[in-house]
Amino acid sequence: MVSGSMKILLINHYVGSNIHGMEYRPYYLAKEWVKGGHEVTMIGASFSHIRTVQPEVENNWKEEYHDGIRYLWVKTPSYEGNGVKRIINMAVFMKELMFHSAKLAETYKPDVVIASSTYPLDIYPARKIANKVKAKLIFEVHDLWPLSPMELGNMSAKHPFIMVMQKGENDAYRYADKVVSLLPKADQHMIEHGMEPSKFRYLPNGIDIEQWEQAHEKIPNDHKDVIDDLRKNGKFLIGYAGTHGIANALEYLIEAAERTYDERIAYVLVGKGPERDNLINKVKEKNLKNIHFLPVINKKAIPDFLSQMDALYIGWRRSPLYRFGVSPNKLLDYLMAGKPIIHGIEAGNDLVAEAGAGITIPPEDPDEVAQAAKKMLELPEDRRNEMGTNGQRFVIETHDYRVLSQKFIDIMNEN
């Protein structure tokens, strides 16, 4: 059992920060651990497709500090998409970690080693480091790999890449002292792949409440002018803030707008993504006047945008993967905004229903969206306010990174 101040080493290929952008979860957890007196070292690749700003790494390794967290960047080649170059990027990262595992163990002497990349191969260097210094080994699962590329990308279980990943996943469940999952219903899958049931711990994605409350940036004047004009015309505003991609199922929102016959309702979308132009063209083709696309805004202006909506919308596609649950960051922003939510989902969990924060409907159903929008409009204002308050209270009590970071420390301290 580890107690008192700890040395924590976390490996996450895609790790980010407030400077680099996503992935935020390791950064927010580590920031709280540092505040609690722990020493945190995070190892990440110099190139990640989800990062906004890549660190500048001239040699093979670079050490730097952000918010008291030690970052070790491993120089890796850039890539686009999910082709061979991405696999090479992973291979370089793993090779460097394996080659330097003994030195990392001796230099940083961690009490706890966390393997936290999306793909499971980092369990091997993490285990080598942990064994060298007799540290506790934790495997943190963001997405179920290789099940995700198999079910979403139709990859065969006999594909060499999938077979390597499957061995990594199976070994991770055997080697780890604890398995921390962002997905609440993933335990049965993990047990089927060799995990002892007692190892499983659920710890969802979170939100930095303090940072959220300090995000005082206003939306641009052009955005405000559109919203103010809609308000003057007595519109009930249903907002969406986030990526406009295939996974976000926004074409059903457009179809819902087409079937929304109450002229008081208007849909307002802000963001960017690969499907944005296609969606805008569909709206023009249908000549819809009740759905409005606004350009992407700074992350710090998201709370201001959400505050100006009457209700919020988030929809998902139907996917067999969601049977294990979901842990979406965007939904936490919605809940924190204190606005009632229309949630189109079919999954192993539903935070909106759990919190009593809105209306849940089946996914991929524009008629249901249109009906939920009308129902939301017709609810008494105090009932909508109650839903918003429920959601905000729920996320503060259960998803604040100050709460989650301590729960993770408790997991580290378990026998």
Protein backbone atom coordinates (compact mmCIF):
# COMPACT_ATOMS: atom_id res chain seq x y z
CA MET A 1 0.00 0.00 0.00
CA VAL A 2 1.23 3.45 -0.99
CA SER A 3 0.59 6.30 1.42
CA GLY A 4 1.47 9.97 1.83
CA SER A 5 3.13 11.85 -0.98
CA MET A 6 3.58 9.69 -4.08
CA LYS A 7 5.68 9.69 -7.23
CA ILE A 8 3.29 9.02 -10.10
CA LEU A 9 4.44 8.15 -13.62
CA LEU A 10 1.69 8.29 -16.28
CA ILE A 11 2.21 7.14 -19.88
CA ASN A 12 -0.25 8.59 -22.38
CA HIS A 13 0.74 8.80 -26.05
CA TYR A 14 -1.70 11.69 -26.69
CA VAL A 15 -1.27 13.64 -23.45
CA GLY A 16 -1.99 17.38 -23.67
CA SER A 17 -2.26 20.47 -21.49
CA ASN A 18 -3.87 23.89 -21.34
CA ILE A 19 -1.18 25.00 -23.84
CA HIS A 20 -1.18 22.01 -26.20
CA GLY A 21 -4.89 21.17 -26.18
CA MET A 22 -6.34 17.67 -26.02
CA GLU A 23 -6.00 15.16 -24.47
CA TYR A 24 -7.01 16.98 -21.29
CA ARG A 25 -7.91 14.24 -18.79
CA PRO A 26 -4.35 13.29 -17.75
CA TYR A 27 -3.43 16.97 -17.43
CA TYR A 28 -6.40 17.84 -15.22
CA LEU A 29 -5.83 14.81 -12.98
CA ALA A 30 -2.10 15.48 -12.75
CA LYS A 31 -2.65 19.15 -11.92
CA GLU A 32 -4.79 18.16 -8.93
CA TRP A 33 -2.29 15.49 -7.87
CA VAL A 34 0.48 18.09 -7.87
CA LYS A 35 -1.69 20.40 -5.75
CA GLY A 36 -2.07 17.48 -3.33
CA GLY A 37 1.70 17.25 -2.89
CA HIS A 38 2.42 14.38 -5.28
CA GLU A 39 5.22 14.36 -7.86
CA VAL A 40 3.86 13.67 -11.34
CA THR A 41 5.76 12.73 -14.49
CA MET A 42 3.82 12.29 -17.74
CA ILE A 43 5.26 10.75 -20.88
CA GLY A 44 3.75 11.57 -24.27
CA ALA A 45 4.58 11.48 -27.98
CA SER A 46 5.76 14.70 -29.61
CA PHE A 47 3.09 14.33 -32.30
CA SER A 48 -0.60 13.59 -31.74
CA HIS A 49 -3.45 14.07 -34.22
CA ILE A 50 -5.76 15.45 -31.51
CA ARG A 51 -3.34 18.07 -30.16
CA THR A 52 -3.78 21.71 -31.20
CA VAL A 53 -0.14 22.64 -30.51
CA GLN A 54 2.67 20.08 -30.77
CA PRO A 55 5.68 20.44 -28.43
CA GLU A 56 9.00 21.29 -30.10
CA VAL A 57 11.31 18.33 -29.60
CA GLU A 58 14.71 18.47 -31.32
CA ASN A 59 16.38 15.42 -29.81
CA ASN A 60 14.78 12.05 -29.02
CA TRP A 61 13.53 13.18 -25.58
CA LYS A 62 12.67 16.53 -24.03
CA GLU A 63 11.76 17.42 -20.44
CA GLU A 64 9.65 20.46 -19.56
CA TYR A 65 7.22 21.57 -16.86
CA HIS A 66 3.64 22.84 -17.05
CA ASP A 67 1.67 23.68 -13.90
CA GLY A 68 4.15 21.73 -11.78
CA ILE A 69 3.81 18.60 -13.93
CA ARG A 70 6.96 17.12 -15.46
CA TYR A 71 6.39 16.31 -19.13
CA LEU A 72 8.71 13.94 -20.97
CA TRP A 73 8.16 14.22 -24.72
CA VAL A 74 9.31 11.38 -26.97
CA LYS A 75 10.13 12.50 -30.52
CA THR A 76 7.81 10.71 -32.96
CA PRO A 77 7.06 11.23 -36.66
CA SER A 78 3.93 13.08 -37.78
CA TYR A 79 1.02 11.38 -39.55
CA GLU A 80 -2.44 11.96 -40.96
CA GLY A 81 -5.40 9.63 -40.72
CA ASN A 82 -5.20 5.99 -39.59
CA GLY A 83 -2.71 4.61 -42.07
CA VAL A 84 0.78 3.14 -41.86
CA LYS A 85 2.36 6.41 -40.67
CA ARG A 86 0.21 6.38 -37.53
CA ILE A 87 1.34 2.82 -36.79
CA ILE A 88 4.96 3.94 -37.26
CA ASN A 89 4.30 6.80 -34.83
CA MET A 90 3.06 4.28 -32.23
CA ALA A 91 5.98 1.93 -32.89
CA VAL A 92 8.58 4.67 -32.39
CA PHE A 93 6.93 5.73 -29.12
CA MET A 94 6.84 2.14 -27.82
CA LYS A 95 10.42 1.41 -28.91
CA GLU A 96 11.77 4.46 -27.08
CA LEU A 97 9.83 3.61 -23.91
CA MET A 98 10.94 -0.01 -23.92
CA PHE A 99 14.58 0.89 -24.58
CA HIS A 100 14.65 3.51 -21.81
CA SER A 101 12.39 1.74 -19.29
CA ALA A 102 15.20 0.87 -16.87
CA LYS A 103 16.57 4.41 -16.96
CA LEU A 104 13.08 5.88 -16.43
CA ALA A 105 12.58 3.61 -13.41
CA GLU A 106 15.95 4.51 -11.88
CA THR A 107 15.62 8.25 -12.58
CA TYR A 108 12.06 8.87 -11.40
CA LYS A 109 11.51 5.93 -8.99
CA PRO A 110 7.70 5.99 -9.25
CA ASP A 111 5.44 4.52 -6.60
CA VAL A 112 2.66 4.13 -9.17
CA VAL A 113 2.88 3.62 -12.95
CA ILE A 114 -0.22 4.28 -15.05
CA ALA A 115 -0.53 2.99 -18.63
CA SER A 116 -3.15 5.29 -20.09
CA SER A 117 -2.93 5.46 -23.90
CA THR A 118 -5.97 4.67 -26.03
CA TYR A 119 -4.25 1.59 -27.43
CA PRO A 120 -3.01 -1.01 -24.88
CA LEU A 121 0.64 -1.55 -25.89
CA ASP A 122 1.99 0.90 -23.30
CA ILE A 123 1.30 -1.77 -20.70
CA TYR A 124 4.64 -3.40 -21.65
CA PRO A 125 7.01 -0.50 -20.86
CA ALA A 126 4.78 0.46 -17.91
CA ARG A 127 5.15 -3.05 -16.49
CA LYS A 128 8.93 -3.04 -16.99
CA ILE A 129 9.22 0.28 -15.14
CA ALA A 130 6.87 -0.85 -12.34
CA ASN A 131 8.66 -4.18 -11.84
CA LYS A 132 12.06 -2.47 -11.69
CA VAL A 133 11.06 -0.35 -8.68
CA LYS A 134 8.23 -2.54 -7.31
CA ALA A 135 5.63 0.13 -8.12
CA LYS A 136 1.90 -0.38 -8.36
CA LEU A 137 0.73 -0.85 -11.98
CA ILE A 138 -2.57 0.64 -13.15
CA PHE A 139 -4.09 0.20 -16.61
CA GLU A 140 -6.46 3.04 -17.53
CA VAL A 141 -8.90 2.30 -20.36
CA HIS A 142 -10.24 5.20 -22.43
CA ASP A 143 -11.63 3.19 -25.36
CA LEU A 144 -11.84 -0.55 -25.75
CA TRP A 145 -9.03 -1.50 -28.14
CA PRO A 146 -8.97 -3.44 -30.37
CA LEU A 147 -12.76 -3.76 -30.15
CA SER A 148 -13.24 -0.15 -31.31
CA PRO A 149 -11.41 -0.47 -34.66
CA MET A 150 -13.03 -3.89 -35.14
CA GLU A 151 -16.61 -2.69 -34.62
CA LEU A 152 -16.24 0.84 -36.02
CA GLY A 153 -13.73 0.08 -38.79
CA ASN A 154 -14.86 -3.49 -39.61
CA MET A 155 -11.31 -4.78 -39.11
CA SER A 156 -10.92 -8.54 -38.91
CA ALA A 157 -9.91 -10.21 -35.64
CA LYS A 158 -7.22 -11.97 -37.71
CA HIS A 159 -5.68 -8.73 -39.00
CA PRO A 160 -2.05 -8.63 -37.73
CA PHE A 161 -2.55 -5.16 -36.18
CA ILE A 162 -5.67 -6.33 -34.35
CA MET A 163 -3.96 -9.50 -33.13
CA VAL A 164 -1.08 -7.48 -31.66
CA MET A 165 -3.51 -5.10 -29.95
CA GLN A 166 -5.61 -8.00 -28.65
CA LYS A 167 -2.58 -9.57 -27.02
CA GLY A 168 -1.75 -6.18 -25.48
CA GLU A 169 -5.25 -5.82 -24.05
CA ASN A 170 -5.33 -9.34 -22.65
CA ASP A 171 -1.88 -8.94 -21.09
CA ALA A 172 -2.82 -5.56 -19.62
CA TYR A 173 -5.75 -7.06 -17.73
CA ARG A 174 -3.50 -9.81 -16.36
CA TYR A 175 -0.52 -7.63 -15.46
CA ALA A 176 -2.28 -4.60 -13.91
CA ASP A 177 -2.94 -4.36 -10.19
CA LYS A 178 -6.03 -2.23 -10.94
CA VAL A 179 -7.95 -1.46 -14.14
CA VAL A 180 -9.52 2.00 -14.24
CA SER A 181 -12.22 2.40 -16.87
CA LEU A 182 -13.95 5.53 -18.20
CA LEU A 183 -16.78 3.23 -19.33
CA PRO A 184 -19.04 2.05 -16.49
CA LYS A 185 -20.24 -1.18 -18.11
CA ALA A 186 -16.93 -2.40 -19.57
CA ASP A 187 -16.17 -4.86 -16.78
CA GLN A 188 -17.85 -7.87 -18.40
CA HIS A 189 -15.85 -7.41 -21.60
CA MET A 190 -12.66 -7.11 -19.56
CA ILE A 191 -13.46 -10.23 -17.52
CA GLU A 192 -13.98 -12.15 -20.77
CA HIS A 193 -10.45 -11.09 -21.75
CA GLY A 194 -8.79 -12.24 -18.56
CA MET A 195 -9.31 -9.52 -15.94
CA GLU A 196 -10.06 -10.57 -12.37
CA PRO A 197 -13.38 -8.88 -11.45
CA SER A 198 -11.90 -7.37 -8.28
CA LYS A 199 -9.49 -5.23 -10.31
CA PHE A 200 -12.19 -3.12 -12.01
CA ARG A 201 -12.74 0.52 -11.02
CA TYR A 202 -14.97 3.03 -12.84
CA LEU A 203 -13.77 6.63 -13.03
CA PRO A 204 -15.53 8.80 -15.64
CA ASN A 205 -14.29 11.79 -17.57
CA GLY A 206 -14.48 15.03 -15.67
CA ILE A 207 -14.48 18.79 -15.88
CA ASP A 208 -12.26 21.41 -14.30
CA ILE A 209 -14.99 23.34 -12.48
CA GLU A 210 -12.64 26.11 -11.38
CA GLN A 211 -11.42 26.71 -14.94
CA TRP A 212 -14.98 26.51 -16.28
CA GLU A 213 -16.19 29.16 -13.83
CA GLN A 214 -13.27 31.43 -14.76
CA ALA A 215 -14.02 31.20 -18.48
CA HIS A 216 -15.40 34.72 -18.84
CA GLU A 217 -14.71 35.29 -22.52
CA LYS A 218 -17.75 36.60 -24.37
CA ILE A 219 -18.89 35.24 -27.72
CA PRO A 220 -17.92 37.38 -30.75
CA ASN A 221 -20.20 40.29 -31.64
CA ASP A 222 -21.29 38.61 -34.88
CA HIS A 223 -22.53 35.61 -32.90
CA LYS A 224 -24.25 37.84 -30.36
CA ASP A 225 -26.00 39.80 -33.12
CA VAL A 226 -27.53 36.60 -34.55
CA ILE A 227 -28.67 35.40 -31.12
CA ASP A 228 -30.05 38.82 -30.14
CA ASP A 229 -31.98 39.02 -33.41
CA LEU A 230 -33.53 35.59 -32.79
CA ARG A 231 -34.46 36.67 -29.26
CA LYS A 232 -36.16 39.83 -30.56
CA ASN A 233 -38.27 37.60 -32.77
CA GLY A 234 -39.38 35.55 -29.76
CA LYS A 235 -37.45 32.41 -30.59
CA PHE A 236 -36.87 29.55 -28.16
CA LEU A 237 -33.21 28.67 -28.74
CA ILE A 238 -31.89 25.11 -28.74
CA GLY A 239 -28.09 25.13 -28.92
CA TYR A 240 -25.33 22.78 -29.96
CA ALA A 241 -21.64 23.50 -29.34
CA GLY A 242 -19.02 21.10 -30.59
CA THR A 243 -17.57 19.17 -33.49
CA HIS A 244 -19.55 18.84 -36.70
CA GLY A 245 -18.46 15.31 -37.59
CA ILE A 246 -20.02 12.03 -38.65
CA ALA A 247 -20.06 10.73 -35.06
CA ASN A 248 -22.14 13.71 -33.92
CA ALA A 249 -25.18 12.69 -36.00
CA LEU A 250 -26.14 16.29 -36.78
CA GLU A 251 -27.95 15.39 -40.00
CA TYR A 252 -30.79 14.17 -37.77
CA LEU A 253 -30.95 17.60 -36.14
CA ILE A 254 -31.37 19.15 -39.60
CA GLU A 255 -34.16 16.71 -40.38
CA ALA A 256 -35.69 17.56 -37.02
CA ALA A 257 -35.57 21.26 -37.89
CA GLU A 258 -37.44 20.42 -41.10
CA ARG A 259 -40.12 18.69 -39.01
CA THR A 260 -40.33 21.38 -36.33
CA TYR A 261 -43.56 23.16 -37.17
CA ASP A 262 -43.66 25.45 -34.16
CA GLU A 263 -42.20 28.70 -35.52
CA ARG A 264 -41.04 29.75 -32.06
CA ILE A 265 -38.24 27.13 -32.04
CA ALA A 266 -34.81 27.83 -33.57
CA TYR A 267 -31.67 25.68 -33.54
CA VAL A 268 -28.26 27.35 -33.18
CA LEU A 269 -25.05 25.40 -33.87
CA VAL A 270 -21.52 26.61 -33.17
CA GLY A 271 -18.32 24.75 -34.03
CA LYS A 272 -16.34 23.25 -36.86
CA GLY A 273 -15.66 19.84 -38.32
CA PRO A 274 -15.43 17.77 -41.50
CA GLU A 275 -19.21 17.62 -41.98
CA ARG A 276 -19.96 21.30 -41.40
CA ASP A 277 -20.06 22.35 -45.07
CA ASN A 278 -22.23 19.35 -46.00
CA LEU A 279 -24.66 20.20 -43.22
CA ILE A 280 -24.86 23.86 -44.24
CA ASN A 281 -25.52 22.82 -47.85
CA LYS A 282 -28.36 20.53 -46.72
CA VAL A 283 -29.95 23.42 -44.84
CA LYS A 284 -29.70 25.61 -47.93
CA GLU A 285 -31.17 22.88 -50.17
CA LYS A 286 -34.11 22.47 -47.82
CA ASN A 287 -34.42 26.26 -47.45
CA LEU A 288 -34.69 25.95 -43.66
CA LYS A 289 -34.96 29.22 -41.76
CA ASN A 290 -35.01 27.79 -38.24
CA ILE A 291 -31.46 26.41 -38.05
CA HIS A 292 -28.39 28.66 -37.85
CA PHE A 293 -24.69 27.77 -38.15
CA LEU A 294 -22.20 30.02 -36.36
CA PRO A 295 -18.39 29.77 -36.71
CA VAL A 296 -16.25 28.04 -34.11
CA ILE A 297 -15.49 30.04 -30.97
CA ASN A 298 -12.74 29.99 -28.37
CA LYS A 299 -13.15 27.27 -25.74
CA LYS A 300 -13.33 29.99 -23.07
CA ALA A 301 -16.40 31.47 -24.79
CA ILE A 302 -18.36 28.18 -24.72
CA PRO A 303 -19.94 28.88 -21.29
CA ASP A 304 -21.19 32.26 -22.54
CA PHE A 305 -22.72 30.69 -25.65
CA LEU A 306 -24.42 27.91 -23.68
CA SER A 307 -25.78 30.42 -21.16
CA GLN A 308 -27.63 32.23 -23.94
CA MET A 309 -29.56 29.13 -25.04
CA ASP A 310 -32.91 27.98 -23.61
CA ALA A 311 -32.05 24.30 -24.02
CA LEU A 312 -29.18 22.23 -25.42
CA TYR A 313 -28.98 19.25 -27.77
CA ILE A 314 -26.54 16.37 -28.05
CA GLY A 315 -27.10 13.28 -30.17
CA TRP A 316 -25.24 10.04 -30.75
CA ARG A 317 -25.25 7.41 -33.44
CA ARG A 318 -26.36 3.90 -32.70
CA SER A 319 -23.27 1.85 -31.99
CA PRO A 320 -22.79 -1.54 -30.35
CA LEU A 321 -19.75 -0.06 -28.57
CA TYR A 322 -22.01 2.19 -26.51
CA ARG A 323 -23.38 -0.84 -24.66
CA PHE A 324 -20.35 -0.41 -22.38
CA GLY A 325 -21.34 3.20 -21.63
CA VAL A 326 -20.08 6.60 -22.73
CA SER A 327 -18.09 9.34 -20.99
CA PRO A 328 -18.38 12.48 -23.15
CA ASN A 329 -16.62 15.73 -22.28
CA LYS A 330 -19.10 17.90 -24.19
CA LEU A 331 -22.04 16.64 -22.15
CA LEU A 332 -20.26 17.73 -18.96
CA ASP A 333 -20.05 21.28 -20.35
CA TYR A 334 -23.77 21.14 -21.10
CA LEU A 335 -24.61 19.97 -17.59
CA MET A 336 -22.33 22.59 -16.06
CA ALA A 337 -24.15 25.29 -18.05
CA GLY A 338 -27.29 24.64 -16.02
CA LYS A 339 -29.53 24.28 -19.07
CA PRO A 340 -32.04 21.49 -19.80
CA ILE A 341 -30.75 18.96 -22.34
CA ILE A 342 -32.28 16.94 -25.15
CA HIS A 343 -30.18 13.77 -25.29
CA GLY A 344 -30.44 11.32 -28.19
CA ILE A 345 -28.72 8.14 -27.00
CA GLU A 346 -28.90 4.37 -26.60
CA ALA A 347 -26.07 3.28 -24.32
CA GLY A 348 -25.10 1.49 -21.13
CA ASN A 349 -25.46 4.75 -19.22
CA ASP A 350 -27.23 8.08 -19.60
CA LEU A 351 -25.93 10.99 -17.52
CA VAL A 352 -28.85 13.25 -18.44
CA ALA A 353 -31.41 10.74 -17.12
CA GLU A 354 -29.21 9.97 -14.11
CA ALA A 355 -29.04 13.65 -13.22
CA GLY A 356 -32.68 14.43 -14.02
CA ALA A 357 -31.35 17.11 -16.34
CA GLY A 358 -33.53 16.86 -19.42
CA ILE A 359 -35.29 14.64 -21.93
CA THR A 360 -33.74 11.44 -23.28
CA ILE A 361 -34.85 10.18 -26.70
CA PRO A 362 -33.75 7.35 -29.03
CA PRO A 363 -30.80 8.24 -31.29
CA GLU A 364 -31.00 8.85 -35.05
CA ASP A 365 -34.68 9.80 -34.88
CA PRO A 366 -35.53 13.32 -36.17
CA ASP A 367 -39.20 12.98 -35.24
CA GLU A 368 -38.23 12.33 -31.62
CA VAL A 369 -35.90 15.36 -31.67
CA ALA A 370 -38.66 17.60 -33.03
CA GLN A 371 -41.16 16.31 -30.46
CA ALA A 372 -38.66 16.74 -27.62
CA ALA A 373 -37.97 20.32 -28.76
CA LYS A 374 -41.69 21.13 -28.65
CA LYS A 375 -42.07 19.43 -25.28
CA MET A 376 -39.13 21.42 -23.92
CA LEU A 377 -40.66 24.67 -25.18
CA GLU A 378 -43.99 23.88 -23.54
CA LEU A 379 -42.54 22.92 -20.16
CA PRO A 380 -43.01 25.57 -17.46
CA GLU A 381 -39.90 27.71 -17.12
CA ASP A 382 -39.39 26.67 -13.50
CA ARG A 383 -39.35 23.00 -14.58
CA ARG A 384 -36.68 23.71 -17.19
CA ASN A 385 -34.70 25.64 -14.57
CA GLU A 386 -35.00 22.68 -12.20
CA MET A 387 -33.58 20.36 -14.87
CA GLY A 388 -30.68 22.75 -15.40
CA THR A 389 -29.97 23.00 -11.68
CA ASN A 390 -30.10 19.21 -11.34
CA GLY A 391 -27.52 18.81 -14.09
CA GLN A 392 -25.17 21.41 -12.66
CA ARG A 393 -25.35 19.93 -9.16
CA PHE A 394 -24.77 16.43 -10.53
CA VAL A 395 -21.62 17.34 -12.45
CA ILE A 396 -20.14 19.35 -9.56
CA GLU A 397 -20.69 16.51 -7.10
CA THR A 398 -19.56 13.62 -9.31
CA HIS A 399 -17.40 14.86 -12.21
CA ASP A 400 -15.25 17.70 -10.87
CA TYR A 401 -11.59 16.75 -11.39
CA ARG A 402 -10.94 17.71 -7.77
CA VAL A 403 -13.29 14.86 -6.82
CA LEU A 404 -12.07 12.42 -9.47
CA SER A 405 -8.37 13.01 -8.76
CA GLN A 406 -8.88 12.08 -5.10
CA LYS A 407 -10.83 8.96 -6.12
CA PHE A 408 -7.92 7.98 -8.32
CA ILE A 409 -5.49 8.51 -5.41
CA ASP A 410 -7.75 6.29 -3.29
CA ILE A 411 -7.50 3.60 -6.00
CA MET A 412 -3.70 3.92 -5.97
CA ASN A 413 -3.75 3.42 -2.20
CA GLU A 414 -5.84 0.25 -2.29
CA ASN A 415 -4.20 -3.07 -1.51
